[in-house]
Amino acid sequence: MPFTELFNRWYDFIYFFCFLNACLACMEVWFFSRFSNQKVKWYSFASYILILYLLSSIEIFIRAPFPLSTLMELGTFFLFGWLVLKCAPAMSATAAILAICIMQVVNGIVQSLLSIILKVLFPYTMVLTTISGLFVMIIVFFSYRLVLTWLQDRKVPMQRYILILMLPILFVLLVMQHVFAVYGNTVTVSTDGTRISPDVNDWTMLVIQIAAYFCLFAVLFAYKELLEGFAFQMRNKLLEQQVIAQADSVHEMQMRYEMTRTFRHDLNGHWTVLGGFLKTGETEKAMDYLEKLTTLSDQLTFPCQTGNDVLNILLTNKLGIAHQKGIDVDCTVKIPDNCIIDDMDLCILFSNAVDNAVKACIAGNQTRPFLSLKTVQKGEFLMIDIKNSRSDVFFPVGGTGIGLQSIKAVVEKYHGRVHIEKTPETFRLNVLFLIPQHSDDISMHRS
């Protein structure tokens, strides 16, 4: 075998098969991890590189046509994201389609440019193909960066709208498969540089693939704007909820004020009755009357000391109303001094949670309705646990109203987690936040 042919074979193996495939695998895994907000370890990169080497070897061995190769790559990338990186199937499918679509469109553009240039610089084929491979990787990398810049800092959950993004990108990918299936993805030339196949105008192919690239990013830009529109709509709903909550709070405070004013107005009468019992020596009647008076006074207030003045006012008011309605209230809430959660967001979370809990407690003929609010702090974690009684007959297991949506929006804003447990008798809302702390002790405080 001539030295030149042997050198070309080893060069193709080392550069095109080993180096470029490794770069492709690393970029795809990196893009997937950033796109889906999944942390990826170094061994995930190494394992996917080996998988891609195996896949490329199979494609070469069976001489797979281009559409079949694309389908194999999509399936491999999807399964890797779903089974290995533990990402949701819809997110894995979208990341795989988007990453491979960008890769193929960019590769098509560069190959069309290369075909045009080789008509003039055919003797420099090896140098130009080497440069084109690097050029593809650079453009793909910056294209991935642009996609992540547009979609990574989204303010609404991407999962529920993922099909809006997946379908048009899949259409672009299918169009590219049709183009390559008709015209092929390789160019055959004679020894003097004359093209043998395919019989296609390189400039036409270049224009088609550039158009596909811009269409792809037009879809991504439109999707970014759509997510921002959903975020704006969510903010409007939260503002509407805050206005409604303020109106309810004003109404509740007015009612409590009237009850307090009535109680104070009747105090002289109560003192007269107590004095009469004591003057006549009816001590037991005086004690019974005083106990009833104390109970009535306790119903007018439910003091809460959470460490946050704004939250103290909110919970004192709302839990006082719950107490008046016969709900057994247990408040064990302590907010750290250096908590990063805004006062308004804390009020949105607790206001909606308590309102929903009170509605659940008074629904149906419950013998002992209860409402429990607790916080547990350990190190940098703050857990808020709210549990209440409920009646499944009168209060069905739906619970997807604006109140719960507002709570989830606040939790997502601080990258927290929400966990809900429902039984026919109880409802439990568990919220976990990551906050900067310096102590690893578990603290639970009772007001």
Protein backbone atom coordinates (compact mmCIF):
# COMPACT_ATOMS: atom_id res chain seq x y z
CA MET A 1 0.00 0.00 0.00
CA PRO A 2 1.46 3.41 -0.96
CA PHE A 3 2.55 5.61 1.92
CA THR A 4 0.22 8.45 0.86
CA GLU A 5 -2.86 6.21 0.91
CA LEU A 6 -1.85 4.72 4.27
CA PHE A 7 -1.31 8.20 5.71
CA ASN A 8 -4.70 9.38 4.43
CA ARG A 9 -6.47 6.43 6.01
CA TRP A 10 -4.85 6.95 9.40
CA TYR A 11 -5.41 10.68 9.17
CA ASP A 12 -9.11 10.18 8.39
CA PHE A 13 -9.41 7.73 11.28
CA ILE A 14 -7.65 9.91 13.86
CA TYR A 15 -9.04 13.29 12.83
CA PHE A 16 -12.50 12.69 11.37
CA PHE A 17 -13.50 9.53 13.26
CA CYS A 18 -11.82 9.99 16.66
CA PHE A 19 -11.28 13.73 17.17
CA LEU A 20 -14.39 15.20 15.51
CA ASN A 21 -16.71 12.53 16.93
CA ALA A 22 -15.33 13.17 20.43
CA CYS A 23 -15.89 16.93 20.01
CA LEU A 24 -19.39 16.28 18.71
CA ALA A 25 -20.21 14.01 21.67
CA CYS A 26 -18.89 16.51 24.25
CA MET A 27 -20.80 19.42 22.72
CA GLU A 28 -24.04 17.44 22.54
CA VAL A 29 -23.84 16.33 26.19
CA TRP A 30 -22.86 19.86 27.28
CA PHE A 31 -25.77 21.33 25.34
CA PHE A 32 -28.16 18.77 26.78
CA SER A 33 -27.06 19.44 30.38
CA ARG A 34 -27.44 23.22 30.03
CA PHE A 35 -30.70 22.98 28.07
CA SER A 36 -32.36 20.69 30.62
CA ASN A 37 -30.63 22.15 33.73
CA GLN A 38 -29.12 18.76 34.57
CA LYS A 39 -25.73 18.38 36.24
CA VAL A 40 -23.46 16.06 34.25
CA LYS A 41 -20.33 14.34 35.58
CA TRP A 42 -17.17 13.72 33.59
CA TYR A 43 -17.95 10.02 33.17
CA SER A 44 -21.18 10.95 31.35
CA PHE A 45 -19.08 12.69 28.69
CA ALA A 46 -16.71 9.72 28.47
CA SER A 47 -19.51 7.18 28.19
CA TYR A 48 -21.30 9.13 25.46
CA ILE A 49 -18.05 9.46 23.47
CA LEU A 50 -17.68 5.66 23.53
CA ILE A 51 -21.33 5.23 22.55
CA LEU A 52 -20.88 7.60 19.61
CA TYR A 53 -17.75 5.74 18.48
CA LEU A 54 -19.72 2.49 18.52
CA LEU A 55 -22.65 4.05 16.68
CA SER A 56 -20.40 5.52 13.97
CA SER A 57 -18.69 2.15 13.52
CA ILE A 58 -22.05 0.44 13.05
CA GLU A 59 -23.13 3.08 10.51
CA ILE A 60 -19.93 2.59 8.53
CA PHE A 61 -20.16 -1.20 8.70
CA ILE A 62 -23.78 -1.44 7.51
CA ARG A 63 -23.36 1.54 5.15
CA ALA A 64 -26.45 3.15 6.63
CA PRO A 65 -28.20 5.74 4.47
CA PHE A 66 -28.29 9.27 5.83
CA PRO A 67 -31.90 9.23 7.17
CA LEU A 68 -31.22 5.95 8.99
CA SER A 69 -28.02 7.37 10.50
CA THR A 70 -29.94 10.41 11.72
CA LEU A 71 -32.64 8.21 13.24
CA MET A 72 -30.02 6.12 15.03
CA GLU A 73 -28.31 9.22 16.41
CA LEU A 74 -31.63 10.69 17.57
CA GLY A 75 -32.61 7.48 19.29
CA THR A 76 -29.23 7.11 20.98
CA PHE A 77 -29.16 10.71 22.22
CA PHE A 78 -32.78 10.50 23.43
CA LEU A 79 -32.19 7.27 25.37
CA PHE A 80 -28.95 8.61 26.84
CA GLY A 81 -30.72 11.73 28.13
CA TRP A 82 -33.74 9.84 29.40
CA LEU A 83 -32.17 6.75 30.95
CA VAL A 84 -28.66 7.89 31.85
CA LEU A 85 -29.12 11.58 32.67
CA LYS A 86 -32.61 11.00 34.15
CA CYS A 87 -34.34 13.77 32.23
CA ALA A 88 -38.02 13.86 31.28
CA PRO A 89 -38.78 12.09 27.98
CA ALA A 90 -40.26 15.21 26.31
CA MET A 91 -37.24 17.32 27.31
CA SER A 92 -34.81 14.60 26.17
CA ALA A 93 -36.54 14.30 22.79
CA THR A 94 -36.52 18.06 22.24
CA ALA A 95 -32.85 18.43 23.22
CA ALA A 96 -31.88 15.55 20.91
CA ILE A 97 -33.86 16.89 17.93
CA LEU A 98 -32.61 20.44 18.44
CA ALA A 99 -28.94 19.49 18.89
CA ILE A 100 -28.81 17.17 15.87
CA CYS A 101 -30.86 19.53 13.69
CA ILE A 102 -28.43 22.39 14.36
CA MET A 103 -25.47 20.09 13.75
CA GLN A 104 -26.79 18.87 10.39
CA VAL A 105 -27.89 22.28 9.09
CA VAL A 106 -24.51 23.82 9.94
CA ASN A 107 -22.68 20.85 8.43
CA GLY A 108 -24.77 21.18 5.25
CA ILE A 109 -23.93 24.87 4.91
CA VAL A 110 -20.20 24.27 5.38
CA GLN A 111 -20.17 21.31 2.99
CA SER A 112 -21.92 23.36 0.30
CA LEU A 113 -19.34 26.12 0.73
CA LEU A 114 -16.58 23.52 0.60
CA SER A 115 -17.95 22.09 -2.67
CA ILE A 116 -17.91 25.56 -4.21
CA ILE A 117 -14.36 26.30 -3.02
CA LEU A 118 -13.00 22.91 -4.14
CA LYS A 119 -13.91 23.71 -7.74
CA VAL A 120 -11.09 26.25 -7.62
CA LEU A 121 -8.75 24.79 -4.95
CA PHE A 122 -9.09 21.06 -5.58
CA PRO A 123 -5.37 20.29 -4.90
CA TYR A 124 -5.85 21.47 -1.32
CA THR A 125 -8.71 19.07 -0.55
CA MET A 126 -7.20 17.61 2.65
CA VAL A 127 -6.39 21.02 4.12
CA LEU A 128 -9.82 22.43 3.27
CA THR A 129 -11.72 19.42 4.63
CA THR A 130 -9.70 19.63 7.85
CA ILE A 131 -10.52 23.32 8.22
CA SER A 132 -14.19 22.70 7.35
CA GLY A 133 -14.50 20.12 10.15
CA LEU A 134 -13.18 22.60 12.70
CA PHE A 135 -15.34 25.33 11.23
CA VAL A 136 -18.45 23.17 11.67
CA MET A 137 -17.64 22.56 15.33
CA ILE A 138 -17.06 26.27 16.00
CA ILE A 139 -20.32 27.36 14.36
CA VAL A 140 -22.26 24.60 16.14
CA PHE A 141 -20.78 25.61 19.49
CA PHE A 142 -21.78 29.26 19.11
CA SER A 143 -25.20 28.21 17.79
CA TYR A 144 -25.71 26.12 20.92
CA ARG A 145 -24.59 29.08 23.02
CA LEU A 146 -27.16 31.31 21.33
CA VAL A 147 -29.96 28.80 21.93
CA LEU A 148 -29.02 28.47 25.60
CA THR A 149 -28.83 32.26 25.99
CA TRP A 150 -32.36 32.58 24.65
CA LEU A 151 -33.95 29.69 26.54
CA GLN A 152 -31.91 29.01 29.66
CA ASP A 153 -33.07 31.94 31.82
CA ARG A 154 -36.75 31.22 31.21
CA LYS A 155 -39.15 32.43 33.88
CA VAL A 156 -41.88 29.87 33.26
CA PRO A 157 -41.63 26.08 33.26
CA MET A 158 -40.58 24.91 29.80
CA GLN A 159 -41.92 21.39 30.18
CA ARG A 160 -45.61 22.21 29.63
CA TYR A 161 -44.96 24.06 26.34
CA ILE A 162 -42.27 21.76 24.96
CA LEU A 163 -44.36 20.46 22.04
CA ILE A 164 -44.65 24.01 20.68
CA LEU A 165 -40.88 23.95 20.20
CA MET A 166 -40.46 20.32 19.21
CA LEU A 167 -42.83 20.14 16.23
CA PRO A 168 -41.42 22.95 14.01
CA ILE A 169 -37.82 21.87 14.71
CA LEU A 170 -38.72 18.31 13.81
CA PHE A 171 -40.21 19.61 10.56
CA VAL A 172 -36.95 21.41 9.69
CA LEU A 173 -35.02 18.23 10.44
CA LEU A 174 -37.33 16.16 8.22
CA VAL A 175 -36.89 18.65 5.36
CA MET A 176 -33.12 18.32 5.68
CA GLN A 177 -33.44 14.52 5.62
CA HIS A 178 -35.45 14.74 2.40
CA VAL A 179 -32.83 17.00 0.81
CA PHE A 180 -29.97 14.66 1.73
CA ALA A 181 -31.99 11.58 0.73
CA VAL A 182 -32.57 13.03 -2.76
CA TYR A 183 -29.17 14.59 -3.39
CA GLY A 184 -26.98 12.61 -1.01
CA ASN A 185 -24.57 13.97 1.60
CA THR A 186 -21.28 13.14 -0.15
CA VAL A 187 -19.62 14.48 -3.29
CA THR A 188 -17.81 12.14 -5.73
CA VAL A 189 -15.13 13.68 -7.95
CA SER A 190 -12.64 12.38 -10.49
CA THR A 191 -8.87 12.64 -10.13
CA ASP A 192 -8.84 15.97 -11.96
CA GLY A 193 -11.48 17.48 -9.69
CA THR A 194 -14.46 17.08 -12.02
CA ARG A 195 -17.65 16.27 -10.11
CA ILE A 196 -19.26 12.91 -10.85
CA SER A 197 -22.20 13.06 -8.41
CA PRO A 198 -24.55 14.44 -7.25
CA ASP A 199 -25.89 16.52 -10.08
CA VAL A 200 -26.95 19.55 -8.09
CA ASN A 201 -26.25 23.27 -8.02
CA ASP A 202 -24.10 24.02 -4.97
CA TRP A 203 -25.39 27.57 -4.74
CA THR A 204 -28.98 26.33 -4.65
CA MET A 205 -28.13 23.87 -1.88
CA LEU A 206 -26.31 26.60 0.03
CA VAL A 207 -29.30 28.95 -0.14
CA ILE A 208 -31.69 26.17 0.97
CA GLN A 209 -29.56 25.26 3.97
CA ILE A 210 -28.95 28.86 5.00
CA ALA A 211 -32.71 29.40 4.82
CA ALA A 212 -33.22 26.29 7.00
CA TYR A 213 -30.71 27.66 9.55
CA PHE A 214 -32.48 31.03 9.79
CA CYS A 215 -35.92 29.35 9.90
CA LEU A 216 -34.70 27.20 12.79
CA PHE A 217 -33.54 30.19 14.80
CA ALA A 218 -36.66 32.16 13.87
CA VAL A 219 -38.67 29.38 15.50
CA LEU A 220 -36.43 29.50 18.58
CA PHE A 221 -36.74 33.28 18.80
CA ALA A 222 -40.53 33.06 18.50
CA TYR A 223 -40.56 30.42 21.23
CA LYS A 224 -38.43 32.64 23.48
CA GLU A 225 -40.88 35.50 22.98
CA LEU A 226 -43.76 33.11 23.69
CA LEU A 227 -42.19 32.05 26.99
CA GLU A 228 -41.70 35.69 27.94
CA GLY A 229 -45.35 36.30 27.12
CA PHE A 230 -46.38 33.43 29.38
CA ALA A 231 -44.13 34.84 32.12
CA PHE A 232 -45.76 38.26 31.75
CA GLN A 233 -49.20 36.64 31.90
CA MET A 234 -48.20 34.77 35.06
CA ARG A 235 -46.95 38.00 36.66
CA ASN A 236 -50.30 39.63 35.87
CA LYS A 237 -52.15 36.74 37.50
CA LEU A 238 -49.95 37.06 40.56
CA LEU A 239 -50.68 40.79 40.75
CA GLU A 240 -54.39 40.09 40.43
CA GLN A 241 -54.08 37.52 43.19
CA GLN A 242 -52.27 40.03 45.39
CA VAL A 243 -55.01 42.62 44.84
CA ILE A 244 -57.69 40.05 45.72
CA ALA A 245 -55.70 38.98 48.77
CA GLN A 246 -55.36 42.60 49.90
CA ALA A 247 -59.10 43.14 49.52
CA ASP A 248 -59.82 39.99 51.53
CA SER A 249 -57.35 41.07 54.19
CA VAL A 250 -59.00 44.48 54.48
CA HIS A 251 -62.42 42.82 54.81
CA GLU A 252 -61.14 40.41 57.45
CA MET A 253 -59.45 43.20 59.42
CA GLN A 254 -62.65 45.27 59.30
CA MET A 255 -64.61 42.32 60.66
CA ARG A 256 -62.08 41.75 63.42
CA TYR A 257 -62.09 45.44 64.25
CA GLU A 258 -65.89 45.42 64.62
CA MET A 259 -65.70 42.35 66.89
CA THR A 260 -62.97 43.96 69.01
CA ARG A 261 -64.89 47.24 69.25
CA THR A 262 -68.03 45.38 70.31
CA PHE A 263 -66.04 43.45 72.94
CA ARG A 264 -64.52 46.64 74.33
CA HIS A 265 -67.92 48.34 74.35
CA ASP A 266 -69.33 45.49 76.43
CA LEU A 267 -66.43 45.43 78.88
CA ASN A 268 -68.16 47.71 81.41
CA GLY A 269 -71.10 45.35 81.44
CA HIS A 270 -68.84 42.35 81.94
CA TRP A 271 -67.04 44.04 84.84
CA THR A 272 -70.42 44.88 86.42
CA VAL A 273 -71.55 41.24 86.20
CA LEU A 274 -68.26 39.98 87.65
CA GLY A 275 -68.44 42.55 90.46
CA GLY A 276 -71.97 41.50 91.27
CA PHE A 277 -70.98 37.83 91.52
CA LEU A 278 -68.05 38.67 93.80
CA LYS A 279 -70.11 40.96 96.06
CA THR A 280 -72.71 38.27 96.62
CA GLY A 281 -70.01 35.64 97.21
CA GLU A 282 -70.87 33.60 94.11
CA THR A 283 -67.22 32.77 93.37
CA GLU A 284 -67.88 29.75 91.18
CA LYS A 285 -70.22 31.72 88.93
CA ALA A 286 -67.62 34.49 88.74
CA MET A 287 -64.91 31.99 87.70
CA ASP A 288 -67.17 30.43 85.06
CA TYR A 289 -68.03 33.85 83.68
CA LEU A 290 -64.36 34.89 83.67
CA GLU A 291 -63.42 31.68 81.81
CA LYS A 292 -66.02 32.42 79.13
CA LEU A 293 -64.77 35.99 78.93
CA THR A 294 -61.19 34.76 78.50
CA THR A 295 -62.26 32.38 75.74
CA LEU A 296 -64.04 35.22 73.95
CA SER A 297 -60.94 37.41 74.27
CA ASP A 298 -58.67 34.66 72.91
CA GLN A 299 -60.84 34.31 69.83
CA LEU A 300 -60.12 37.92 68.90
CA THR A 301 -56.42 37.32 68.42
CA PHE A 302 -53.92 34.62 67.46
CA PRO A 303 -50.45 36.09 68.05
CA CYS A 304 -47.69 34.81 65.76
CA GLN A 305 -43.99 35.55 66.18
CA THR A 306 -42.26 34.33 63.01
CA GLY A 307 -39.23 36.64 63.01
CA ASN A 308 -40.73 38.58 60.07
CA ASP A 309 -42.89 41.58 60.95
CA VAL A 310 -44.91 41.53 57.73
CA LEU A 311 -45.62 37.82 58.03
CA ASN A 312 -46.54 38.28 61.71
CA ILE A 313 -49.34 40.68 60.74
CA LEU A 314 -50.57 38.41 57.95
CA LEU A 315 -50.65 35.20 59.98
CA THR A 316 -52.03 36.86 63.11
CA ASN A 317 -54.96 38.10 61.06
CA LYS A 318 -55.62 34.96 58.97
CA LEU A 319 -55.04 32.40 61.73
CA GLY A 320 -57.20 34.48 64.07
CA ILE A 321 -60.07 34.16 61.60
CA ALA A 322 -59.40 30.41 61.28
CA HIS A 323 -59.44 30.10 65.08
CA GLN A 324 -62.79 31.91 65.25
CA LYS A 325 -64.22 29.41 62.74
CA GLY A 326 -63.47 26.54 65.09
CA ILE A 327 -60.27 25.34 63.43
CA ASP A 328 -57.58 23.97 65.74
CA VAL A 329 -54.55 26.06 64.72
CA ASP A 330 -50.92 25.17 65.46
CA CYS A 331 -48.35 27.71 64.23
CA THR A 332 -44.68 26.74 64.47
CA VAL A 333 -43.08 29.15 62.01
CA LYS A 334 -39.70 30.86 62.29
CA ILE A 335 -38.19 32.75 59.33
CA PRO A 336 -34.36 33.20 59.47
CA ASP A 337 -33.03 36.73 59.75
CA ASN A 338 -30.93 36.43 56.57
CA CYS A 339 -33.66 34.77 54.52
CA ILE A 340 -33.38 35.64 50.81
CA ILE A 341 -37.13 35.32 50.21
CA ASP A 342 -38.83 38.67 49.68
CA ASP A 343 -41.52 39.69 52.19
CA MET A 344 -44.14 39.94 49.44
CA ASP A 345 -43.28 36.46 48.17
CA LEU A 346 -43.52 35.04 51.70
CA CYS A 347 -46.93 36.63 52.09
CA ILE A 348 -48.10 35.26 48.73
CA LEU A 349 -46.99 31.75 49.72
CA PHE A 350 -48.49 31.73 53.23
CA SER A 351 -51.60 33.71 52.31
CA ASN A 352 -52.60 31.33 49.52
CA ALA A 353 -51.67 28.24 51.54
CA VAL A 354 -53.67 29.35 54.60
CA ASP A 355 -56.67 30.49 52.53
CA ASN A 356 -56.80 27.12 50.74
CA ALA A 357 -56.37 25.27 54.03
CA VAL A 358 -59.18 27.22 55.75
CA LYS A 359 -61.54 26.55 52.83
CA ALA A 360 -60.72 22.85 53.07
CA CYS A 361 -61.20 22.79 56.85
CA ILE A 362 -64.68 24.36 56.81
CA ALA A 363 -65.91 22.19 53.91
CA GLY A 364 -68.03 19.23 55.02
CA ASN A 365 -68.99 18.09 58.49
CA GLN A 366 -65.53 17.66 59.97
CA THR A 367 -65.48 16.78 63.66
CA ARG A 368 -62.06 18.29 64.45
CA PRO A 369 -60.76 20.53 61.67
CA PHE A 370 -57.11 21.45 62.12
CA LEU A 371 -54.42 23.56 60.49
CA SER A 372 -50.71 23.15 61.22
CA LEU A 373 -47.92 25.45 60.01
CA LYS A 374 -44.29 24.54 60.71
CA THR A 375 -40.80 25.43 59.53
CA VAL A 376 -37.70 23.28 59.89
CA GLN A 377 -34.29 24.78 59.28
CA LYS A 378 -31.17 22.67 58.75
CA GLY A 379 -28.00 24.21 57.41
CA GLU A 380 -28.80 25.97 54.16
CA PHE A 381 -32.25 24.41 53.81
CA LEU A 382 -35.55 25.85 55.00
CA MET A 383 -38.58 23.59 54.86
CA ILE A 384 -42.11 24.95 55.19
CA ASP A 385 -44.67 22.32 56.10
CA ILE A 386 -48.42 23.16 56.05
CA LYS A 387 -50.96 20.46 56.85
CA ASN A 388 -54.74 20.68 57.20
CA SER A 389 -57.79 18.49 57.47
CA ARG A 390 -60.16 18.11 54.56
CA SER A 391 -63.29 16.29 53.49
CA ASP A 392 -62.94 14.43 50.20
CA VAL A 393 -66.71 14.37 49.72
CA PHE A 394 -67.11 18.14 49.79
CA PHE A 395 -63.63 19.16 48.72
CA PRO A 396 -62.45 17.03 45.76
CA VAL A 397 -58.80 16.26 45.02
CA GLY A 398 -58.41 18.94 42.32
CA GLY A 399 -56.39 21.74 43.84
CA THR A 400 -54.95 23.35 40.68
CA GLY A 401 -56.38 26.85 41.12
CA ILE A 402 -54.67 30.21 41.03
CA GLY A 403 -53.67 29.88 44.71
CA LEU A 404 -51.55 26.79 44.14
CA GLN A 405 -50.18 28.26 40.89
CA SER A 406 -49.10 31.38 42.79
CA ILE A 407 -47.33 29.24 45.39
CA LYS A 408 -45.53 27.25 42.70
CA ALA A 409 -44.52 30.46 40.90
CA VAL A 410 -42.91 31.81 44.10
CA VAL A 411 -41.10 28.53 44.74
CA GLU A 412 -39.79 28.34 41.16
CA LYS A 413 -38.55 31.94 41.44
CA TYR A 414 -36.14 30.84 44.20
CA HIS A 415 -35.39 27.44 42.57
CA GLY A 416 -37.14 25.60 45.39
CA ARG A 417 -39.20 22.42 45.38
CA VAL A 418 -42.89 21.75 46.09
CA HIS A 419 -44.23 18.43 47.29
CA ILE A 420 -47.94 17.74 47.84
CA GLU A 421 -49.50 14.83 49.72
CA LYS A 422 -53.25 14.25 49.58
CA THR A 423 -55.42 11.75 51.41
CA PRO A 424 -59.21 11.69 51.82
CA GLU A 425 -58.77 13.28 55.29
CA THR A 426 -55.67 15.51 55.00
CA PHE A 427 -53.80 17.81 52.63
CA ARG A 428 -50.09 18.53 53.10
CA LEU A 429 -47.99 21.16 51.32
CA ASN A 430 -44.23 20.85 51.70
CA VAL A 431 -41.93 23.57 50.33
CA LEU A 432 -38.12 23.40 50.37
CA PHE A 433 -35.90 26.46 49.88
CA LEU A 434 -32.12 26.78 49.73
CA ILE A 435 -31.01 29.78 51.79
CA PRO A 436 -27.57 30.92 53.02
CA GLN A 437 -27.02 29.73 56.57
CA HIS A 438 -24.05 28.97 58.82
CA SER A 439 -25.52 26.47 61.25
CA ASP A 440 -26.15 22.79 60.61
CA ASP A 441 -28.41 22.37 63.64
CA ILE A 442 -32.03 21.53 63.19
CA SER A 443 -34.14 24.29 64.71
CA MET A 444 -37.87 24.30 65.22
CA HIS A 445 -39.49 27.25 66.96
CA ARG A 446 -42.95 27.62 68.36
CA SER A 447 -44.64 30.98 68.58
